[in-house]
Amino acid sequence: MEIARASEIKEPSIVFRPSSYVERLRIGDLFSRPQPLEIELGAGDGSFLVQWVALNPSTNFLGLERLLGRLRKIERKSRRAGLANVRVLRLEAAYFVEYLLPRESVSAFHIYFPDPWPKRKHRVHRLVNERFAEVLRGALTIGGTVYLRTDDSDYFAQMTQAFGANKNYEPAQTPERLATVLTDFERGFHAEGIATNRAAYRRIA
């Protein structure tokens, strides 16, 4: 029997495709090793995700992104870095969290620089609002944390109001180790002198 050369052996894709888009995921289908799960909603090109995954081998990570080209870019970066504890999924974030994630399965959500929809008539399209804060609560473990970043001060006020109004959260600190891992957006903003607004909220009930 002919043995395939190492260069011919293809590793499985980190781009995960659920068997169903109406039933909740089985997290064990994504990762071979059971570990705490963190999720980045809107992973972009993976500039934050790949860095953070590399620093946390004892945690599993899932990145959500709607654009297939960006998922492929994250896959290439993850392969080059030799990361085995990361998967990515092409899906809309609000639907995924509410209908596909198992209850109390996530130790942290990262939501960094979501589209601010700056025009007043478009703000209804913003991802983070009071309802979504409650949806996230259902997926978080007790003590799980939502980490938020944005350069838009108006959106930041909406974010903090949404979580502050929910009695099932308490304000938390963003660890310095996490705060130093920047997205590409963030590096660009800092180069222009634009500050990052950060907040974190921990599920307490």
N, C-alpha and C. Protein backbone atom coordinates (compact mmCIF):
# COMPACT_ATOMS: atom_id res chain seq x y z
N MET A 1 0.85 -1.20 0.00
CA MET A 1 0.00 0.00 0.00
C MET A 1 0.88 1.24 0.00
N GLU A 2 0.59 2.17 -0.87
CA GLU A 2 1.38 3.38 -0.97
C GLU A 2 1.06 4.32 0.19
N ILE A 3 2.12 4.84 0.79
CA ILE A 3 1.95 5.75 1.92
C ILE A 3 2.00 7.19 1.42
N ALA A 4 1.02 7.98 1.80
CA ALA A 4 0.98 9.37 1.35
C ALA A 4 2.13 10.16 1.94
N ARG A 5 2.72 11.02 1.13
CA ARG A 5 3.76 11.89 1.63
C ARG A 5 3.15 12.92 2.59
N ALA A 6 3.98 13.39 3.52
CA ALA A 6 3.50 14.35 4.53
C ALA A 6 2.91 15.59 3.87
N SER A 7 3.49 16.01 2.76
CA SER A 7 3.01 17.22 2.07
C SER A 7 1.64 17.01 1.45
N GLU A 8 1.24 15.74 1.28
CA GLU A 8 -0.05 15.44 0.66
C GLU A 8 -1.17 15.29 1.68
N ILE A 9 -0.81 15.20 2.95
CA ILE A 9 -1.80 14.99 4.01
C ILE A 9 -2.40 16.35 4.39
N LYS A 10 -3.68 16.50 4.21
CA LYS A 10 -4.35 17.77 4.51
C LYS A 10 -4.94 17.73 5.91
N GLU A 11 -4.63 18.74 6.69
CA GLU A 11 -5.21 18.86 8.01
C GLU A 11 -6.67 19.30 7.88
N PRO A 12 -7.52 18.88 8.81
CA PRO A 12 -8.92 19.31 8.73
C PRO A 12 -9.04 20.82 8.86
N SER A 13 -10.01 21.38 8.17
CA SER A 13 -10.21 22.82 8.20
C SER A 13 -10.68 23.26 9.58
N ILE A 14 -10.24 24.46 9.98
CA ILE A 14 -10.75 25.01 11.23
C ILE A 14 -12.09 25.72 11.01
N VAL A 15 -12.50 25.87 9.75
CA VAL A 15 -13.80 26.46 9.45
C VAL A 15 -14.87 25.40 9.71
N PHE A 16 -15.67 25.64 10.74
CA PHE A 16 -16.66 24.65 11.18
C PHE A 16 -17.99 24.90 10.48
N ARG A 17 -18.59 23.81 10.00
CA ARG A 17 -19.91 23.89 9.37
C ARG A 17 -20.86 23.01 10.16
N PRO A 18 -21.81 23.60 10.89
CA PRO A 18 -22.74 22.80 11.70
C PRO A 18 -23.57 21.86 10.85
N SER A 19 -23.92 20.72 11.41
CA SER A 19 -24.80 19.79 10.71
C SER A 19 -26.23 20.31 10.66
N SER A 20 -26.57 21.23 11.58
CA SER A 20 -27.90 21.83 11.61
C SER A 20 -27.78 23.29 12.02
N TYR A 21 -28.62 24.12 11.41
CA TYR A 21 -28.65 25.54 11.77
C TYR A 21 -29.90 25.88 12.58
N VAL A 22 -30.58 24.86 13.08
CA VAL A 22 -31.76 25.08 13.90
C VAL A 22 -31.67 24.35 15.24
N GLU A 23 -30.67 23.50 15.41
CA GLU A 23 -30.48 22.79 16.67
C GLU A 23 -29.21 23.30 17.35
N ARG A 24 -29.18 23.26 18.65
CA ARG A 24 -28.03 23.77 19.39
C ARG A 24 -26.80 22.89 19.13
N LEU A 25 -25.66 23.54 19.08
CA LEU A 25 -24.40 22.85 18.83
C LEU A 25 -24.04 21.92 19.97
N ARG A 26 -23.29 20.90 19.63
CA ARG A 26 -22.60 20.10 20.63
C ARG A 26 -21.14 20.54 20.59
N ILE A 27 -20.71 21.23 21.62
CA ILE A 27 -19.38 21.82 21.61
C ILE A 27 -18.31 20.76 21.41
N GLY A 28 -18.58 19.54 21.88
CA GLY A 28 -17.62 18.45 21.68
C GLY A 28 -17.38 18.12 20.23
N ASP A 29 -18.30 18.53 19.34
CA ASP A 29 -18.10 18.30 17.91
C ASP A 29 -17.08 19.26 17.31
N LEU A 30 -16.82 20.36 18.00
CA LEU A 30 -15.88 21.35 17.50
C LEU A 30 -14.46 21.10 17.96
N PHE A 31 -14.31 20.64 19.20
CA PHE A 31 -12.98 20.52 19.80
C PHE A 31 -12.78 19.13 20.38
N SER A 32 -11.60 18.60 20.18
CA SER A 32 -11.30 17.26 20.69
C SER A 32 -11.03 17.27 22.19
N ARG A 33 -10.59 18.42 22.72
CA ARG A 33 -10.26 18.51 24.14
C ARG A 33 -11.27 19.40 24.85
N PRO A 34 -11.93 18.90 25.91
CA PRO A 34 -12.87 19.75 26.66
C PRO A 34 -12.12 20.79 27.48
N GLN A 35 -12.35 22.04 27.16
CA GLN A 35 -11.72 23.17 27.85
C GLN A 35 -12.72 24.31 27.89
N PRO A 36 -12.49 25.31 28.76
CA PRO A 36 -13.36 26.50 28.74
C PRO A 36 -13.42 27.09 27.33
N LEU A 37 -14.56 27.67 26.99
CA LEU A 37 -14.79 28.20 25.65
C LEU A 37 -14.93 29.71 25.68
N GLU A 38 -14.18 30.40 24.83
CA GLU A 38 -14.33 31.83 24.62
C GLU A 38 -14.69 32.07 23.16
N ILE A 39 -15.51 33.09 22.92
CA ILE A 39 -16.00 33.37 21.58
C ILE A 39 -15.78 34.83 21.23
N GLU A 40 -15.25 35.07 20.03
CA GLU A 40 -15.19 36.43 19.51
C GLU A 40 -16.27 36.60 18.46
N LEU A 41 -17.16 37.55 18.69
CA LEU A 41 -18.22 37.85 17.75
C LEU A 41 -17.76 38.97 16.82
N GLY A 42 -17.61 38.64 15.54
CA GLY A 42 -17.07 39.60 14.58
C GLY A 42 -15.55 39.57 14.62
N ALA A 43 -14.97 38.44 14.20
CA ALA A 43 -13.54 38.23 14.35
C ALA A 43 -12.71 38.95 13.30
N GLY A 44 -13.34 39.50 12.26
CA GLY A 44 -12.60 40.22 11.24
C GLY A 44 -11.55 39.35 10.58
N ASP A 45 -10.33 39.86 10.50
CA ASP A 45 -9.25 39.09 9.87
C ASP A 45 -8.49 38.25 10.89
N GLY A 46 -8.99 38.20 12.12
CA GLY A 46 -8.37 37.36 13.14
C GLY A 46 -7.18 37.98 13.84
N SER A 47 -6.97 39.28 13.67
CA SER A 47 -5.78 39.92 14.25
C SER A 47 -5.77 39.80 15.77
N PHE A 48 -6.93 39.94 16.41
CA PHE A 48 -6.99 39.72 17.86
C PHE A 48 -7.03 38.23 18.17
N LEU A 49 -7.92 37.52 17.51
CA LEU A 49 -8.20 36.13 17.85
C LEU A 49 -6.95 35.26 17.84
N VAL A 50 -6.18 35.33 16.78
CA VAL A 50 -5.01 34.45 16.66
C VAL A 50 -3.98 34.75 17.75
N GLN A 51 -3.79 36.03 18.06
CA GLN A 51 -2.87 36.38 19.14
C GLN A 51 -3.34 35.83 20.48
N TRP A 52 -4.63 36.00 20.77
CA TRP A 52 -5.17 35.61 22.07
C TRP A 52 -5.22 34.09 22.22
N VAL A 53 -5.54 33.39 21.13
CA VAL A 53 -5.54 31.93 21.16
C VAL A 53 -4.14 31.41 21.48
N ALA A 54 -3.12 31.99 20.85
CA ALA A 54 -1.75 31.52 21.06
C ALA A 54 -1.31 31.69 22.51
N LEU A 55 -1.86 32.69 23.18
CA LEU A 55 -1.50 32.94 24.58
C LEU A 55 -2.27 32.06 25.57
N ASN A 56 -3.29 31.34 25.08
CA ASN A 56 -4.17 30.60 25.98
C ASN A 56 -4.43 29.18 25.46
N PRO A 57 -3.43 28.33 25.50
CA PRO A 57 -3.61 26.97 24.97
C PRO A 57 -4.58 26.11 25.77
N SER A 58 -4.90 26.51 27.00
CA SER A 58 -5.81 25.73 27.83
C SER A 58 -7.26 26.19 27.72
N THR A 59 -7.54 26.98 26.69
CA THR A 59 -8.90 27.45 26.41
C THR A 59 -9.22 27.17 24.95
N ASN A 60 -10.45 26.81 24.68
CA ASN A 60 -10.92 26.67 23.30
C ASN A 60 -11.53 27.98 22.84
N PHE A 61 -11.37 28.28 21.55
CA PHE A 61 -11.85 29.55 21.00
C PHE A 61 -12.66 29.33 19.73
N LEU A 62 -13.71 30.11 19.61
CA LEU A 62 -14.52 30.10 18.41
C LEU A 62 -14.67 31.54 17.92
N GLY A 63 -14.36 31.78 16.66
CA GLY A 63 -14.52 33.10 16.07
C GLY A 63 -15.67 33.10 15.09
N LEU A 64 -16.53 34.10 15.20
CA LEU A 64 -17.67 34.23 14.29
C LEU A 64 -17.42 35.38 13.32
N GLU A 65 -17.68 35.13 12.05
CA GLU A 65 -17.49 36.17 11.03
C GLU A 65 -18.38 35.83 9.85
N ARG A 66 -18.96 36.85 9.24
CA ARG A 66 -19.89 36.61 8.12
C ARG A 66 -19.20 36.48 6.77
N LEU A 67 -17.99 37.03 6.62
CA LEU A 67 -17.32 37.03 5.33
C LEU A 67 -16.37 35.84 5.21
N LEU A 68 -16.60 35.01 4.21
CA LEU A 68 -15.82 33.80 4.03
C LEU A 68 -14.34 34.10 3.82
N GLY A 69 -14.03 35.16 3.08
CA GLY A 69 -12.64 35.51 2.85
C GLY A 69 -11.89 35.77 4.14
N ARG A 70 -12.55 36.39 5.10
CA ARG A 70 -11.92 36.65 6.39
C ARG A 70 -11.70 35.35 7.16
N LEU A 71 -12.66 34.43 7.08
CA LEU A 71 -12.49 33.14 7.74
C LEU A 71 -11.28 32.40 7.18
N ARG A 72 -11.11 32.45 5.88
CA ARG A 72 -9.96 31.80 5.27
C ARG A 72 -8.66 32.43 5.73
N LYS A 73 -8.68 33.75 5.91
CA LYS A 73 -7.48 34.43 6.39
C LYS A 73 -7.16 33.99 7.82
N ILE A 74 -8.18 33.88 8.66
CA ILE A 74 -7.96 33.41 10.03
C ILE A 74 -7.40 31.99 10.00
N GLU A 75 -7.93 31.16 9.11
CA GLU A 75 -7.45 29.78 9.02
C GLU A 75 -5.97 29.75 8.65
N ARG A 76 -5.56 30.55 7.69
CA ARG A 76 -4.15 30.58 7.29
C ARG A 76 -3.26 31.03 8.45
N LYS A 77 -3.69 32.07 9.15
CA LYS A 77 -2.91 32.57 10.28
C LYS A 77 -2.80 31.51 11.38
N SER A 78 -3.91 30.82 11.64
CA SER A 78 -3.92 29.80 12.69
C SER A 78 -3.02 28.63 12.33
N ARG A 79 -3.03 28.22 11.06
CA ARG A 79 -2.16 27.14 10.61
C ARG A 79 -0.69 27.52 10.75
N ARG A 80 -0.36 28.74 10.35
CA ARG A 80 1.04 29.17 10.46
C ARG A 80 1.50 29.19 11.92
N ALA A 81 0.58 29.54 12.81
CA ALA A 81 0.93 29.60 14.23
C ALA A 81 0.83 28.24 14.92
N GLY A 82 0.35 27.23 14.22
CA GLY A 82 0.25 25.90 14.79
C GLY A 82 -0.81 25.78 15.88
N LEU A 83 -1.93 26.49 15.71
CA LEU A 83 -2.96 26.53 16.75
C LEU A 83 -3.98 25.41 16.52
N ALA A 84 -4.24 24.63 17.56
CA ALA A 84 -5.19 23.52 17.46
C ALA A 84 -6.49 23.80 18.21
N ASN A 85 -6.54 24.87 19.00
CA ASN A 85 -7.67 25.12 19.89
C ASN A 85 -8.56 26.26 19.40
N VAL A 86 -8.67 26.41 18.08
CA VAL A 86 -9.49 27.48 17.51
C VAL A 86 -10.31 26.95 16.35
N ARG A 87 -11.56 27.42 16.27
CA ARG A 87 -12.44 27.14 15.15
C ARG A 87 -13.11 28.45 14.75
N VAL A 88 -13.56 28.52 13.51
CA VAL A 88 -14.29 29.70 13.05
C VAL A 88 -15.57 29.25 12.35
N LEU A 89 -16.55 30.13 12.40
CA LEU A 89 -17.88 29.80 11.89
C LEU A 89 -18.44 31.00 11.15
N ARG A 90 -19.06 30.74 10.01
CA ARG A 90 -19.66 31.81 9.20
C ARG A 90 -21.15 31.88 9.52
N LEU A 91 -21.52 32.87 10.32
CA LEU A 91 -22.91 32.99 10.74
C LEU A 91 -23.14 34.36 11.35
N GLU A 92 -24.39 34.79 11.35
CA GLU A 92 -24.76 36.07 11.96
C GLU A 92 -24.76 35.90 13.48
N ALA A 93 -24.16 36.86 14.18
CA ALA A 93 -23.85 36.69 15.60
C ALA A 93 -25.09 36.55 16.48
N ALA A 94 -26.08 37.41 16.31
CA ALA A 94 -27.25 37.39 17.20
C ALA A 94 -28.00 36.07 17.09
N TYR A 95 -28.18 35.58 15.87
CA TYR A 95 -28.87 34.30 15.69
C TYR A 95 -28.07 33.16 16.32
N PHE A 96 -26.77 33.17 16.09
CA PHE A 96 -25.91 32.12 16.62
C PHE A 96 -26.00 32.02 18.14
N VAL A 97 -25.87 33.16 18.80
CA VAL A 97 -25.87 33.14 20.27
C VAL A 97 -27.22 32.70 20.82
N GLU A 98 -28.29 33.21 20.23
CA GLU A 98 -29.62 32.92 20.78
C GLU A 98 -30.10 31.51 20.49
N TYR A 99 -29.79 30.99 19.31
CA TYR A 99 -30.43 29.74 18.89
C TYR A 99 -29.50 28.54 18.74
N LEU A 100 -28.19 28.76 18.61
CA LEU A 100 -27.30 27.64 18.38
C LEU A 100 -26.37 27.31 19.54
N LEU A 101 -26.04 28.30 20.36
CA LEU A 101 -25.14 28.03 21.47
C LEU A 101 -25.87 27.29 22.59
N PRO A 102 -25.26 26.27 23.17
CA PRO A 102 -25.84 25.64 24.36
C PRO A 102 -25.90 26.64 25.51
N ARG A 103 -26.86 26.48 26.37
CA ARG A 103 -27.01 27.36 27.53
C ARG A 103 -25.82 27.18 28.47
N GLU A 104 -25.36 28.29 29.02
CA GLU A 104 -24.29 28.31 30.02
C GLU A 104 -23.07 27.52 29.56
N SER A 105 -22.62 27.80 28.34
CA SER A 105 -21.49 27.06 27.76
C SER A 105 -20.25 27.91 27.51
N VAL A 106 -20.35 29.22 27.68
CA VAL A 106 -19.29 30.13 27.26
C VAL A 106 -18.71 30.86 28.47
N SER A 107 -17.40 30.86 28.59
CA SER A 107 -16.76 31.55 29.73
C SER A 107 -16.47 33.01 29.43
N ALA A 108 -16.39 33.38 28.14
CA ALA A 108 -16.16 34.79 27.80
C ALA A 108 -16.58 35.07 26.36
N PHE A 109 -17.18 36.23 26.17
CA PHE A 109 -17.44 36.77 24.84
C PHE A 109 -16.55 37.99 24.63
N HIS A 110 -15.99 38.11 23.43
CA HIS A 110 -15.22 39.29 23.04
C HIS A 110 -15.97 39.96 21.90
N ILE A 111 -16.35 41.22 22.10
CA ILE A 111 -17.06 41.98 21.07
C ILE A 111 -16.29 43.29 20.87
N TYR A 112 -15.51 43.34 19.81
CA TYR A 112 -14.58 44.43 19.61
C TYR A 112 -14.87 45.19 18.31
N PHE A 113 -15.14 46.47 18.47
CA PHE A 113 -15.36 47.38 17.35
C PHE A 113 -16.45 46.90 16.40
N PRO A 114 -17.62 46.56 16.94
CA PRO A 114 -18.73 46.22 16.04
C PRO A 114 -19.17 47.46 15.27
N ASP A 115 -19.83 47.24 14.15
CA ASP A 115 -20.29 48.35 13.31
C ASP A 115 -21.11 49.32 14.15
N PRO A 116 -20.70 50.60 14.25
CA PRO A 116 -21.42 51.53 15.12
C PRO A 116 -22.70 52.08 14.53
N TRP A 117 -22.96 51.87 13.24
CA TRP A 117 -24.16 52.43 12.61
C TRP A 117 -24.39 53.85 13.13
N PRO A 118 -23.52 54.79 12.77
CA PRO A 118 -23.55 56.11 13.40
C PRO A 118 -24.77 56.97 13.10
N LYS A 119 -25.42 56.76 11.95
CA LYS A 119 -26.59 57.57 11.67
C LYS A 119 -27.74 57.17 12.60
N ARG A 120 -28.43 58.18 13.12
CA ARG A 120 -29.48 57.92 14.11
C ARG A 120 -30.53 56.93 13.61
N LYS A 121 -30.92 57.03 12.35
CA LYS A 121 -31.97 56.17 11.83
C LYS A 121 -31.50 54.72 11.65
N HIS A 122 -30.19 54.52 11.68
CA HIS A 122 -29.64 53.17 11.50
C HIS A 122 -29.27 52.49 12.80
N ARG A 123 -29.39 53.18 13.94
CA ARG A 123 -28.90 52.63 15.20
C ARG A 123 -29.66 51.39 15.65
N VAL A 124 -30.83 51.19 15.09
CA VAL A 124 -31.60 49.99 15.39
C VAL A 124 -30.84 48.73 14.96
N HIS A 125 -29.88 48.87 14.05
CA HIS A 125 -29.12 47.73 13.55
C HIS A 125 -27.93 47.36 14.44
N ARG A 126 -27.64 48.15 15.44
CA ARG A 126 -26.50 47.86 16.31
C ARG A 126 -26.68 46.51 17.02
N LEU A 127 -25.59 45.78 17.12
CA LEU A 127 -25.64 44.45 17.74
C LEU A 127 -25.90 44.51 19.23
N VAL A 128 -25.21 45.39 19.92
CA VAL A 128 -25.27 45.40 21.39
C VAL A 128 -26.37 46.33 21.86
N ASN A 129 -27.37 45.74 22.49
CA ASN A 129 -28.48 46.48 23.09
C ASN A 129 -28.95 45.69 24.30
N GLU A 130 -30.00 46.15 24.96
CA GLU A 130 -30.45 45.49 26.19
C GLU A 130 -30.90 44.05 25.93
N ARG A 131 -31.58 43.83 24.83
CA ARG A 131 -32.03 42.47 24.54
C ARG A 131 -30.85 41.54 24.30
N PHE A 132 -29.85 42.02 23.56
CA PHE A 132 -28.71 41.16 23.28
C PHE A 132 -27.89 40.89 24.53
N ALA A 133 -27.83 41.83 25.44
CA ALA A 133 -27.16 41.59 26.72
C ALA A 133 -27.81 40.41 27.45
N GLU A 134 -29.13 40.32 27.38
CA GLU A 134 -29.84 39.21 28.01
C GLU A 134 -29.62 37.91 27.26
N VAL A 135 -29.56 37.98 25.94
CA VAL A 135 -29.27 36.78 25.13
C VAL A 135 -27.88 36.23 25.49
N LEU A 136 -26.91 37.10 25.62
CA LEU A 136 -25.57 36.68 26.01
C LEU A 136 -25.57 36.04 27.39
N ARG A 137 -26.35 36.58 28.29
CA ARG A 137 -26.42 36.02 29.64
C ARG A 137 -26.80 34.54 29.61
N GLY A 138 -27.76 34.19 28.74
CA GLY A 138 -28.19 32.80 28.67
C GLY A 138 -27.10 31.85 28.23
N ALA A 139 -26.14 32.33 27.43
CA ALA A 139 -25.06 31.48 26.94
C ALA A 139 -23.85 31.46 27.87
N LEU A 140 -23.75 32.45 28.76
CA LEU A 140 -22.60 32.54 29.65
C LEU A 140 -22.72 31.59 30.84
N THR A 141 -21.58 31.08 31.28
CA THR A 141 -21.52 30.39 32.55
C THR A 141 -21.64 31.42 33.67
N ILE A 142 -22.02 30.99 34.86
CA ILE A 142 -21.98 31.88 36.01
C ILE A 142 -20.53 32.33 36.21
N GLY A 143 -20.32 33.63 36.28
CA GLY A 143 -18.96 34.16 36.37
C GLY A 143 -18.35 34.44 35.02
N GLY A 144 -19.05 34.06 33.93
CA GLY A 144 -18.56 34.36 32.59
C GLY A 144 -18.62 35.85 32.31
N THR A 145 -17.79 36.32 31.40
CA THR A 145 -17.60 37.76 31.20
C THR A 145 -17.76 38.15 29.73
N VAL A 146 -18.36 39.32 29.52
CA VAL A 146 -18.43 39.94 28.20
C VAL A 146 -17.43 41.09 28.17
N TYR A 147 -16.52 41.05 27.21
CA TYR A 147 -15.53 42.11 27.04
C TYR A 147 -15.90 42.94 25.81
N LEU A 148 -15.93 44.25 25.99
CA LEU A 148 -16.39 45.17 24.95
C LEU A 148 -15.30 46.20 24.64
N ARG A 149 -15.18 46.53 23.34
CA ARG A 149 -14.31 47.63 22.93
C ARG A 149 -14.97 48.35 21.75
N THR A 150 -14.83 49.66 21.73
CA THR A 150 -15.29 50.46 20.60
C THR A 150 -14.60 51.81 20.64
N ASP A 151 -14.48 52.42 19.47
CA ASP A 151 -13.94 53.77 19.40
C ASP A 151 -15.07 54.79 19.38
N ASP A 152 -16.33 54.33 19.24
CA ASP A 152 -17.48 55.21 19.09
C ASP A 152 -18.08 55.51 20.47
N SER A 153 -18.01 56.75 20.91
CA SER A 153 -18.44 57.10 22.26
C SER A 153 -19.95 56.94 22.45
N ASP A 154 -20.73 57.24 21.40
CA ASP A 154 -22.18 57.09 21.51
C ASP A 154 -22.56 55.62 21.65
N TYR A 155 -21.94 54.77 20.86
CA TYR A 155 -22.21 53.34 20.94
C TYR A 155 -21.74 52.79 22.29
N PHE A 156 -20.61 53.30 22.77
CA PHE A 156 -20.11 52.85 24.07
C PHE A 156 -21.11 53.18 25.18
N ALA A 157 -21.72 54.36 25.11
CA ALA A 157 -22.74 54.73 26.10
C ALA A 157 -23.92 53.77 26.02
N GLN A 158 -24.30 53.37 24.81
CA GLN A 158 -25.40 52.41 24.64
C GLN A 158 -25.01 51.05 25.21
N MET A 159 -23.79 50.61 24.96
CA MET A 159 -23.32 49.33 25.48
C MET A 159 -23.37 49.30 27.01
N THR A 160 -22.80 50.30 27.63
CA THR A 160 -22.73 50.31 29.09
C THR A 160 -24.12 50.45 29.71
N GLN A 161 -25.00 51.17 29.05
CA GLN A 161 -26.37 51.27 29.54
C GLN A 161 -27.09 49.92 29.45
N ALA A 162 -26.87 49.21 28.34
CA ALA A 162 -27.54 47.92 28.14
C ALA A 162 -27.14 46.92 29.20
N PHE A 163 -25.85 46.83 29.51
CA PHE A 163 -25.40 45.87 30.52
C PHE A 163 -25.65 46.37 31.93
N GLY A 164 -25.53 47.69 32.11
CA GLY A 164 -25.77 48.25 33.44
C GLY A 164 -27.21 48.11 33.88
N ALA A 165 -28.14 48.03 32.94
CA ALA A 165 -29.55 47.90 33.27
C ALA A 165 -29.94 46.46 33.59
N ASN A 166 -29.05 45.52 33.35
CA ASN A 166 -29.36 44.11 33.57
C ASN A 166 -28.81 43.67 34.93
N LYS A 167 -29.69 43.32 35.84
CA LYS A 167 -29.30 42.98 37.21
C LYS A 167 -28.50 41.69 37.30
N ASN A 168 -28.42 40.96 36.21
CA ASN A 168 -27.68 39.70 36.20
C ASN A 168 -26.20 39.88 35.86
N TYR A 169 -25.78 41.13 35.71
CA TYR A 169 -24.37 41.44 35.46
C TYR A 169 -23.83 42.38 36.51
N GLU A 170 -22.51 42.31 36.69
CA GLU A 170 -21.81 43.33 37.47
C GLU A 170 -20.60 43.80 36.67
N PRO A 171 -20.21 45.06 36.82
CA PRO A 171 -19.03 45.56 36.10
C PRO A 171 -17.79 44.76 36.49
N ALA A 172 -16.90 44.57 35.54
CA ALA A 172 -15.65 43.85 35.78
C ALA A 172 -14.51 44.61 35.13
N GLN A 173 -13.30 44.21 35.46
CA GLN A 173 -12.11 44.82 34.88
C GLN A 173 -11.61 44.00 33.69
N THR A 174 -11.11 44.68 32.68
CA THR A 174 -10.42 44.00 31.59
C THR A 174 -8.99 43.73 32.04
N PRO A 175 -8.57 42.47 32.14
CA PRO A 175 -7.19 42.19 32.57
C PRO A 175 -6.18 42.87 31.67
N GLU A 176 -5.10 43.35 32.25
CA GLU A 176 -4.08 44.04 31.48
C GLU A 176 -3.52 43.16 30.37
N ARG A 177 -3.39 41.88 30.67
CA ARG A 177 -2.87 40.93 29.68
C ARG A 177 -3.77 40.89 28.45
N LEU A 178 -5.08 41.00 28.66
CA LEU A 178 -6.02 41.00 27.55
C LEU A 178 -6.02 42.35 26.84
N ALA A 179 -5.96 43.42 27.60
CA ALA A 179 -6.03 44.77 27.02
C ALA A 179 -4.87 45.06 26.08
N THR A 180 -3.75 44.39 26.28
CA THR A 180 -2.58 44.65 25.43
C THR A 180 -2.64 43.93 24.09
N VAL A 181 -3.59 43.01 23.93
CA VAL A 181 -3.74 42.30 22.65
C VAL A 181 -4.71 43.11 21.80
N LEU A 182 -4.20 43.73 20.75
CA LEU A 182 -4.99 44.69 19.98
C LEU A 182 -5.47 44.10 18.66
N THR A 183 -6.60 44.62 18.18
CA THR A 183 -7.07 44.30 16.84
C THR A 183 -6.36 45.22 15.84
N ASP A 184 -6.47 44.89 14.55
CA ASP A 184 -5.91 45.78 13.52
C ASP A 184 -6.58 47.15 13.56
N PHE A 185 -7.91 47.15 13.76
CA PHE A 185 -8.64 48.42 13.89
C PHE A 185 -8.03 49.26 15.01
N GLU A 186 -7.80 48.60 16.13
CA GLU A 186 -7.34 49.31 17.31
C GLU A 186 -5.96 49.92 17.09
N ARG A 187 -5.07 49.16 16.48
CA ARG A 187 -3.74 49.70 16.20
C ARG A 187 -3.82 50.92 15.28
N GLY A 188 -4.71 50.83 14.28
CA GLY A 188 -4.88 51.96 13.38
C GLY A 188 -5.43 53.18 14.09
N PHE A 189 -6.42 52.96 14.96
CA PHE A 189 -7.01 54.06 15.71
C PHE A 189 -5.97 54.71 16.63
N HIS A 190 -5.18 53.89 17.32
CA HIS A 190 -4.19 54.43 18.23
C HIS A 190 -3.15 55.26 17.48
N ALA A 191 -2.81 54.82 16.27
CA ALA A 191 -1.85 55.58 15.46
C ALA A 191 -2.38 56.95 15.09
N GLU A 192 -3.72 57.06 15.05
CA GLU A 192 -4.36 58.34 14.73
C GLU A 192 -4.75 59.12 15.99
N GLY A 193 -4.39 58.58 17.14
CA GLY A 193 -4.70 59.26 18.39
C GLY A 193 -6.12 59.04 18.89
N ILE A 194 -6.81 58.03 18.35
CA ILE A 194 -8.18 57.73 18.75
C ILE A 194 -8.15 56.68 19.86
N ALA A 195 -8.75 57.00 20.99
CA ALA A 195 -8.70 56.11 22.15
C ALA A 195 -9.71 54.98 22.03
N THR A 196 -9.42 53.88 22.71
CA THR A 196 -10.35 52.76 22.81
C THR A 196 -11.19 52.89 24.07
N ASN A 197 -12.50 52.75 23.91
CA ASN A 197 -13.40 52.66 25.06
C ASN A 197 -13.56 51.18 25.41
N ARG A 198 -13.27 50.80 26.65
CA ARG A 198 -13.36 49.41 27.07
C ARG A 198 -14.32 49.27 28.24
N ALA A 199 -15.01 48.13 28.27
CA ALA A 199 -15.84 47.79 29.42
C ALA A 199 -15.93 46.27 29.49
N ALA A 200 -16.25 45.77 30.67
CA ALA A 200 -16.43 44.33 30.85
C ALA A 200 -17.53 44.12 31.89
N TYR A 201 -18.31 43.06 31.68
CA TYR A 201 -19.42 42.75 32.58
C TYR A 201 -19.44 41.24 32.85
N ARG A 202 -19.55 40.90 34.13
CA ARG A 202 -19.53 39.51 34.57
C ARG A 202 -20.94 39.05 34.92
N ARG A 203 -21.31 37.87 34.46
CA ARG A 203 -22.61 37.30 34.82
C ARG A 203 -22.58 36.82 36.26
N ILE A 204 -23.52 37.28 37.05
CA ILE A 204 -23.56 36.90 38.46
C ILE A 204 -24.78 36.05 38.81
N ALA A 205 -25.75 35.96 37.89
CA ALA A 205 -26.97 35.19 38.19
C ALA A 205 -27.60 34.76 36.88
